[in-house]
Amino acid sequence: MILDYEPGDKVINPKNKDWGIGQVQSIIKEKVTVNFENVGKKVINAYLIELIKI
């Protein structure tokens, strides 16, 4: 799997759309840290949840 995210990218989590739009903060291996507008900072395992770039 190739992660196609960079810090600053806007994304949504298709499994939790109520989190709102998030901005990628950092990527370390498969861990993507995203700051979502409705729930704050979350660390997402990109192998389990595929974020959608917007």
C-alpha atoms as a PDB file:
ATOM      1  CA  MET A   1       0.000   0.000   0.000  1.00  0.00           C
ATOM      2  CA  ILE A   2       1.328   3.424  -0.926  1.00  0.00           C
ATOM      3  CA  LEU A   3       0.187   6.259   1.286  1.00  0.00           C
ATOM      4  CA  ASP A   4      -0.813   9.217  -0.829  1.00  0.00           C
ATOM      5  CA  TYR A   5      -1.001  11.790   1.974  1.00  0.00           C
ATOM      6  CA  GLU A   6       1.176  14.756   2.826  1.00  0.00           C
ATOM      7  CA  PRO A   7       1.003  17.149   5.773  1.00  0.00           C
ATOM      8  CA  GLY A   8      -1.552  19.819   4.988  1.00  0.00           C
ATOM      9  CA  ASP A   9      -3.810  17.567   2.887  1.00  0.00           C
ATOM     10  CA  LYS A  10      -7.540  17.770   3.654  1.00  0.00           C
ATOM     11  CA  VAL A  11      -9.195  14.390   4.212  1.00  0.00           C
ATOM     12  CA  ILE A  12     -12.351  12.732   5.500  1.00  0.00           C
ATOM     13  CA  ASN A  13     -12.709   9.427   7.307  1.00  0.00           C
ATOM     14  CA  PRO A  14     -15.401   7.481   5.386  1.00  0.00           C
ATOM     15  CA  LYS A  15     -16.146   5.350   8.477  1.00  0.00           C
ATOM     16  CA  ASN A  16     -16.721   8.444  10.667  1.00  0.00           C
ATOM     17  CA  LYS A  17     -17.979  11.226   8.410  1.00  0.00           C
ATOM     18  CA  ASP A  18     -19.388  13.077  11.432  1.00  0.00           C
ATOM     19  CA  TRP A  19     -15.761  13.856  12.444  1.00  0.00           C
ATOM     20  CA  GLY A  20     -15.815  16.449   9.665  1.00  0.00           C
ATOM     21  CA  ILE A  21     -12.937  17.532   7.477  1.00  0.00           C
ATOM     22  CA  GLY A  22      -9.476  16.799   8.783  1.00  0.00           C
ATOM     23  CA  GLN A  23      -6.044  18.135   7.995  1.00  0.00           C
ATOM     24  CA  VAL A  24      -3.104  15.734   7.898  1.00  0.00           C
ATOM     25  CA  GLN A  25      -0.506  16.746  10.505  1.00  0.00           C
ATOM     26  CA  SER A  26       2.115  14.015  10.136  1.00  0.00           C
ATOM     27  CA  ILE A  27       2.769  10.576   8.664  1.00  0.00           C
ATOM     28  CA  ILE A  28       5.024   8.044  10.391  1.00  0.00           C
ATOM     29  CA  LYS A  29       5.030   4.663   8.642  1.00  0.00           C
ATOM     30  CA  GLU A  30       1.320   3.669   8.492  1.00  0.00           C
ATOM     31  CA  LYS A  31       0.233   6.095  11.247  1.00  0.00           C
ATOM     32  CA  VAL A  32      -1.403   9.265   9.924  1.00  0.00           C
ATOM     33  CA  THR A  33      -2.111  12.001  12.483  1.00  0.00           C
ATOM     34  CA  VAL A  34      -5.105  14.084  11.439  1.00  0.00           C
ATOM     35  CA  ASN A  35      -6.711  17.090  13.145  1.00  0.00           C
ATOM     36  CA  PHE A  36     -10.477  16.785  12.532  1.00  0.00           C
ATOM     37  CA  GLU A  37     -12.776  19.805  12.869  1.00  0.00           C
ATOM     38  CA  ASN A  38     -15.342  18.073  15.129  1.00  0.00           C
ATOM     39  CA  VAL A  39     -13.258  15.664  17.249  1.00  0.00           C
ATOM     40  CA  GLY A  40      -9.735  17.049  17.287  1.00  0.00           C
ATOM     41  CA  LYS A  41      -6.546  15.102  16.732  1.00  0.00           C
ATOM     42  CA  LYS A  42      -6.732  11.408  15.852  1.00  0.00           C
ATOM     43  CA  VAL A  43      -4.034   8.904  14.888  1.00  0.00           C
ATOM     44  CA  ILE A  44      -5.296   6.721  12.027  1.00  0.00           C
ATOM     45  CA  ASN A  45      -3.772   3.405  10.970  1.00  0.00           C
ATOM     46  CA  ALA A  46      -3.816   3.849   7.185  1.00  0.00           C
ATOM     47  CA  TYR A  47      -3.714   0.068   6.656  1.00  0.00           C
ATOM     48  CA  LEU A  48      -7.080  -0.282   8.441  1.00  0.00           C
ATOM     49  CA  ILE A  49      -8.861   2.924   7.408  1.00  0.00           C
ATOM     50  CA  GLU A  50      -8.370   4.526   4.008  1.00  0.00           C
ATOM     51  CA  LEU A  51      -8.800   8.273   4.306  1.00  0.00           C
ATOM     52  CA  ILE A  52     -10.285  10.082   1.324  1.00  0.00           C
ATOM     53  CA  LYS A  53      -8.473  13.184   0.074  1.00  0.00           C
ATOM     54  CA  ILE A  54     -10.713  16.129  -0.778  1.00  0.00           C
END
